[in-house]
C-alpha atoms as a PDB file:
ATOM      1  CA  ALA A   1       0.000   0.000   0.000  1.00  0.00           C
ATOM      2  CA  GLU A   2       1.074   3.522  -0.714  1.00  0.00           C
ATOM      3  CA  GLN A   3       2.117   5.454   2.373  1.00  0.00           C
ATOM      4  CA  LEU A   4      -0.063   8.535   2.587  1.00  0.00           C
ATOM      5  CA  SER A   5       1.031   9.807   5.981  1.00  0.00           C
ATOM      6  CA  ILE A   6       4.507  11.260   6.185  1.00  0.00           C
ATOM      7  CA  GLU A   7       6.176  13.180   9.014  1.00  0.00           C
ATOM      8  CA  GLY A   8       2.967  13.893  10.907  1.00  0.00           C
ATOM      9  CA  ARG A   9       1.042  15.145   7.869  1.00  0.00           C
ATOM     10  CA  VAL A  10      -1.261  13.572   5.322  1.00  0.00           C
ATOM     11  CA  ARG A  11      -0.262  13.820   1.656  1.00  0.00           C
ATOM     12  CA  ILE A  12      -3.216  15.664   0.170  1.00  0.00           C
ATOM     13  CA  LEU A  13      -1.569  15.750  -3.259  1.00  0.00           C
ATOM     14  CA  HIS A  14      -2.787  12.170  -3.709  1.00  0.00           C
ATOM     15  CA  HIS A  15      -5.273  11.722  -6.601  1.00  0.00           C
ATOM     16  CA  GLY A  16      -8.394   9.786  -5.571  1.00  0.00           C
ATOM     17  CA  GLU A  17     -10.452   9.347  -2.410  1.00  0.00           C
ATOM     18  CA  LEU A  18      -8.761   9.921   0.956  1.00  0.00           C
ATOM     19  CA  GLY A  19     -10.399   9.422   4.322  1.00  0.00           C
ATOM     20  CA  PHE A  20     -10.897   7.170   7.292  1.00  0.00           C
ATOM     21  CA  LYS A  21     -12.992   4.285   8.508  1.00  0.00           C
ATOM     22  CA  PHE A  22     -14.797   4.641  11.836  1.00  0.00           C
ATOM     23  CA  ARG A  23     -17.489   3.033  13.973  1.00  0.00           C
ATOM     24  CA  PRO A  24     -19.933   5.150  16.027  1.00  0.00           C
ATOM     25  CA  THR A  25     -20.224   4.202  19.688  1.00  0.00           C
ATOM     26  CA  MET A  26     -23.720   5.744  19.743  1.00  0.00           C
ATOM     27  CA  ASP A  27     -26.377   6.493  17.143  1.00  0.00           C
ATOM     28  CA  LEU A  28     -25.447   9.723  15.357  1.00  0.00           C
ATOM     29  CA  ARG A  29     -27.352  12.085  13.097  1.00  0.00           C
ATOM     30  CA  VAL A  30     -25.124  13.907  10.581  1.00  0.00           C
ATOM     31  CA  GLY A  31     -26.082  17.356   9.320  1.00  0.00           C
ATOM     32  CA  ALA A  32     -23.126  18.344   7.109  1.00  0.00           C
ATOM     33  CA  LEU A  33     -19.923  16.971   5.587  1.00  0.00           C
ATOM     34  CA  GLY A  34     -16.662  18.865   5.269  1.00  0.00           C
ATOM     35  CA  CYS A  35     -12.999  18.696   4.366  1.00  0.00           C
ATOM     36  CA  GLY A  36      -9.767  20.166   5.649  1.00  0.00           C
ATOM     37  CA  ALA A  37      -9.176  23.651   4.286  1.00  0.00           C
ATOM     38  CA  GLY A  38      -6.353  24.952   6.462  1.00  0.00           C
ATOM     39  CA  LYS A  39      -6.763  28.723   6.323  1.00  0.00           C
ATOM     40  CA  GLY A  40      -9.112  29.068   3.339  1.00  0.00           C
ATOM     41  CA  GLN A  41     -11.756  27.470   1.170  1.00  0.00           C
ATOM     42  CA  PRO A  42     -10.806  24.890  -1.469  1.00  0.00           C
ATOM     43  CA  LYS A  43      -9.670  26.461  -4.759  1.00  0.00           C
ATOM     44  CA  SER A  44     -11.946  24.175  -6.782  1.00  0.00           C
ATOM     45  CA  LEU A  45     -15.009  22.047  -6.186  1.00  0.00           C
ATOM     46  CA  THR A  46     -14.443  18.695  -4.481  1.00  0.00           C
ATOM     47  CA  TRP A  47     -16.764  16.072  -3.038  1.00  0.00           C
ATOM     48  CA  VAL A  48     -17.043  14.594   0.457  1.00  0.00           C
ATOM     49  CA  THR A  49     -18.683  11.165   0.643  1.00  0.00           C
ATOM     50  CA  MET A  50     -20.047   9.064   3.505  1.00  0.00           C
ATOM     51  CA  TRP A  51     -20.004   5.330   2.715  1.00  0.00           C
ATOM     52  CA  GLU A  52     -21.355   2.291   4.550  1.00  0.00           C
ATOM     53  CA  ALA A  53     -18.193   0.187   4.841  1.00  0.00           C
ATOM     54  CA  GLU A  54     -19.531  -3.360   4.548  1.00  0.00           C
ATOM     55  CA  THR A  55     -21.658  -2.756   1.444  1.00  0.00           C
ATOM     56  CA  GLN A  56     -19.510   0.108   0.069  1.00  0.00           C
ATOM     57  CA  GLN A  57     -22.788   1.943  -0.545  1.00  0.00           C
ATOM     58  CA  VAL A  58     -22.747   5.743  -0.844  1.00  0.00           C
ATOM     59  CA  LEU A  59     -24.941   7.233   1.890  1.00  0.00           C
ATOM     60  CA  ALA A  60     -24.373  10.946   1.230  1.00  0.00           C
ATOM     61  CA  ILE A  61     -22.297  13.140  -1.077  1.00  0.00           C
ATOM     62  CA  SER A  62     -21.648  16.804  -0.430  1.00  0.00           C
ATOM     63  CA  PRO A  63     -19.962  19.249  -2.798  1.00  0.00           C
ATOM     64  CA  VAL A  64     -17.475  21.579  -1.096  1.00  0.00           C
ATOM     65  CA  GLY A  65     -15.925  24.445  -3.006  1.00  0.00           C
ATOM     66  CA  PRO A  66     -14.619  28.003  -3.006  1.00  0.00           C
ATOM     67  CA  GLU A  67     -17.841  29.374  -1.460  1.00  0.00           C
ATOM     68  CA  ALA A  68     -17.886  26.855   1.408  1.00  0.00           C
ATOM     69  CA  ALA A  69     -18.508  27.890   5.002  1.00  0.00           C
ATOM     70  CA  LEU A  70     -15.353  27.659   7.136  1.00  0.00           C
ATOM     71  CA  HIS A  71     -15.174  26.548  10.761  1.00  0.00           C
ATOM     72  CA  GLU A  72     -12.026  25.580  12.700  1.00  0.00           C
ATOM     73  CA  GLY A  73     -10.042  24.871   9.540  1.00  0.00           C
ATOM     74  CA  PHE A  74     -12.733  22.819   7.804  1.00  0.00           C
ATOM     75  CA  ALA A  75     -14.748  23.837   4.730  1.00  0.00           C
ATOM     76  CA  TYR A  76     -18.321  22.524   4.820  1.00  0.00           C
ATOM     77  CA  GLY A  77     -20.815  21.726   2.120  1.00  0.00           C
ATOM     78  CA  LYS A  78     -24.420  22.800   2.514  1.00  0.00           C
ATOM     79  CA  VAL A  79     -26.475  21.243   5.284  1.00  0.00           C
ATOM     80  CA  LEU A  80     -27.735  17.860   4.105  1.00  0.00           C
ATOM     81  CA  GLU A  81     -31.317  17.976   2.859  1.00  0.00           C
ATOM     82  CA  ARG A  82     -32.131  15.081   5.174  1.00  0.00           C
ATOM     83  CA  PRO A  83     -29.880  14.343   8.142  1.00  0.00           C
ATOM     84  CA  LEU A  84     -27.970  11.096   7.760  1.00  0.00           C
ATOM     85  CA  ASP A  85     -28.471   8.552  10.547  1.00  0.00           C
ATOM     86  CA  LEU A  86     -25.415   6.485  11.509  1.00  0.00           C
ATOM     87  CA  LYS A  87     -26.015   3.440  13.689  1.00  0.00           C
ATOM     88  CA  THR A  88     -23.999   2.252  16.665  1.00  0.00           C
ATOM     89  CA  GLY A  89     -21.540  -0.505  15.824  1.00  0.00           C
ATOM     90  CA  ILE A  90     -21.778  -0.171  12.016  1.00  0.00           C
ATOM     91  CA  ALA A  91     -18.533   0.768  10.225  1.00  0.00           C
ATOM     92  CA  TYR A  92     -18.545   3.785   7.904  1.00  0.00           C
ATOM     93  CA  VAL A  93     -15.983   5.492   5.704  1.00  0.00           C
ATOM     94  CA  LEU A  94     -15.783   9.256   5.281  1.00  0.00           C
ATOM     95  CA  SER A  95     -13.690  10.411   2.309  1.00  0.00           C
ATOM     96  CA  VAL A  96     -12.863  13.473   0.258  1.00  0.00           C
ATOM     97  CA  GLN A  97     -11.773  13.552  -3.363  1.00  0.00           C
ATOM     98  CA  THR A  98      -8.235  14.858  -3.523  1.00  0.00           C
ATOM     99  CA  SER A  99      -5.951  15.910  -6.337  1.00  0.00           C
ATOM    100  CA  PRO A 100      -3.161  18.433  -6.788  1.00  0.00           C
ATOM    101  CA  GLY A 101      -4.397  22.017  -7.082  1.00  0.00           C
ATOM    102  CA  LEU A 102      -7.659  21.685  -5.128  1.00  0.00           C
ATOM    103  CA  GLY A 103      -6.312  23.733  -2.242  1.00  0.00           C
ATOM    104  CA  LEU A 104      -7.140  21.160   0.415  1.00  0.00           C
ATOM    105  CA  ALA A 105      -5.081  21.310   3.606  1.00  0.00           C
ATOM    106  CA  PRO A 106      -5.253  19.686   7.026  1.00  0.00           C
ATOM    107  CA  ALA A 107      -7.483  21.663   9.351  1.00  0.00           C
ATOM    108  CA  ASN A 108      -5.647  23.773  11.893  1.00  0.00           C
ATOM    109  CA  TYR A 109      -7.677  22.182  14.646  1.00  0.00           C
ATOM    110  CA  SER A 110      -6.165  20.603  17.723  1.00  0.00           C
ATOM    111  CA  GLY A 111      -9.091  18.288  18.479  1.00  0.00           C
ATOM    112  CA  THR A 112      -9.200  14.582  17.766  1.00  0.00           C
ATOM    113  CA  LEU A 113     -11.380  12.303  15.697  1.00  0.00           C
ATOM    114  CA  LEU A 114     -14.298  13.936  13.922  1.00  0.00           C
ATOM    115  CA  THR A 115     -13.602  17.441  15.198  1.00  0.00           C
ATOM    116  CA  GLY A 116     -13.477  16.425  18.843  1.00  0.00           C
ATOM    117  CA  LEU A 117     -16.115  13.693  18.789  1.00  0.00           C
ATOM    118  CA  SER A 118     -13.806  10.917  19.972  1.00  0.00           C
ATOM    119  CA  GLU A 119     -16.337   9.842  22.604  1.00  0.00           C
ATOM    120  CA  MET A 120     -18.860   9.208  19.800  1.00  0.00           C
ATOM    121  CA  ALA A 121     -16.785   7.133  17.389  1.00  0.00           C
ATOM    122  CA  VAL A 122     -13.783   4.815  17.153  1.00  0.00           C
ATOM    123  CA  PHE A 123     -11.139   5.457  14.488  1.00  0.00           C
ATOM    124  CA  LEU A 124     -10.552   2.254  12.480  1.00  0.00           C
ATOM    125  CA  GLY A 125      -7.824   3.493  10.137  1.00  0.00           C
ATOM    126  CA  GLY A 126      -6.913   5.666   7.191  1.00  0.00           C
ATOM    127  CA  VAL A 127      -8.161   4.578   3.767  1.00  0.00           C
ATOM    128  CA  PHE A 128      -7.767   5.687   0.168  1.00  0.00           C
ATOM    129  CA  SER A 129      -8.469   4.819  -3.456  1.00  0.00           C
ATOM    130  CA  ARG A 130      -6.427   5.570  -6.545  1.00  0.00           C
ATOM    131  CA  SER A 131      -9.332   7.181  -8.383  1.00  0.00           C
ATOM    132  CA  PRO A 132     -12.156   9.588  -7.497  1.00  0.00           C
ATOM    133  CA  TRP A 133     -15.618   8.058  -7.016  1.00  0.00           C
ATOM    134  CA  LEU A 134     -14.043   4.691  -6.200  1.00  0.00           C
ATOM    135  CA  TYR A 135     -14.695   3.252  -2.731  1.00  0.00           C
ATOM    136  CA  PRO A 136     -11.524   3.815  -0.664  1.00  0.00           C
ATOM    137  CA  SER A 137     -10.719   0.187   0.166  1.00  0.00           C
ATOM    138  CA  GLU A 138      -6.931   0.505   0.323  1.00  0.00           C
ATOM    139  CA  ILE A 139      -5.487   0.884   3.823  1.00  0.00           C
ATOM    140  CA  ASP A 140      -2.763   3.279   4.902  1.00  0.00           C
ATOM    141  CA  GLU A 141      -0.925   1.140   7.445  1.00  0.00           C
ATOM    142  CA  HIS A 142       0.815   4.241   8.819  1.00  0.00           C
ATOM    143  CA  ALA A 143      -2.365   6.228   9.467  1.00  0.00           C
ATOM    144  CA  TRP A 144      -3.167   7.835  12.774  1.00  0.00           C
ATOM    145  CA  GLU A 145      -6.359   9.477  13.941  1.00  0.00           C
ATOM    146  CA  GLU A 146      -5.327  13.122  14.209  1.00  0.00           C
ATOM    147  CA  ALA A 147      -3.858  13.263  10.699  1.00  0.00           C
ATOM    148  CA  TYR A 148      -6.830  11.761   8.899  1.00  0.00           C
ATOM    149  CA  ALA A 149      -9.461  13.496  11.007  1.00  0.00           C
ATOM    150  CA  SER A 150      -7.875  16.816   9.984  1.00  0.00           C
ATOM    151  CA  VAL A 151      -8.607  16.081   6.311  1.00  0.00           C
ATOM    152  CA  VAL A 152     -12.305  15.149   6.348  1.00  0.00           C
ATOM    153  CA  THR A 153     -15.091  15.554   8.927  1.00  0.00           C
ATOM    154  CA  PHE A 154     -18.803  15.674   9.591  1.00  0.00           C
ATOM    155  CA  THR A 155     -21.051  17.718  11.848  1.00  0.00           C
ATOM    156  CA  PRO A 156     -23.515  15.890  14.101  1.00  0.00           C
ATOM    157  CA  VAL A 157     -27.013  17.201  14.739  1.00  0.00           C
ATOM    158  CA  PHE A 158     -27.992  17.179  18.402  1.00  0.00           C
ATOM    159  CA  GLY A 159     -31.452  17.250  19.942  1.00  0.00           C
ATOM    160  CA  VAL A 160     -33.340  16.187  16.820  1.00  0.00           C
END
């Protein structure tokens, strides 16, 4: 497998899907998907995808581009039309399409998994694919939570 994490950073110049596999420790309702933007919005449109890991089924896709809302180093797509329900114990993959020139960058956020939601989910590893729109089934054996969670994220909806 290609090593995507080097010297404490994730190589965002990779071309394809890049993200991580996780398992919620409680039922979650997702309101928006986002990607690492560092200090500014992506330069071009990209796509953030939530997948169900076992079936590799796409559950939600969110475009994120130059007009995206920024929060704590992440650029977010529009609020999902219908919140996405993630079930306890089911594995999911959250990925962003990456390629040189998109302007993606790790978020400058010091939290951990899923923008500080480590009590709500377990990190199962970094994943990638060698092409956009292809389920990211390849595993980065050198992945660690903070690096990958700074590249792609989601926002939970509480009290709904």
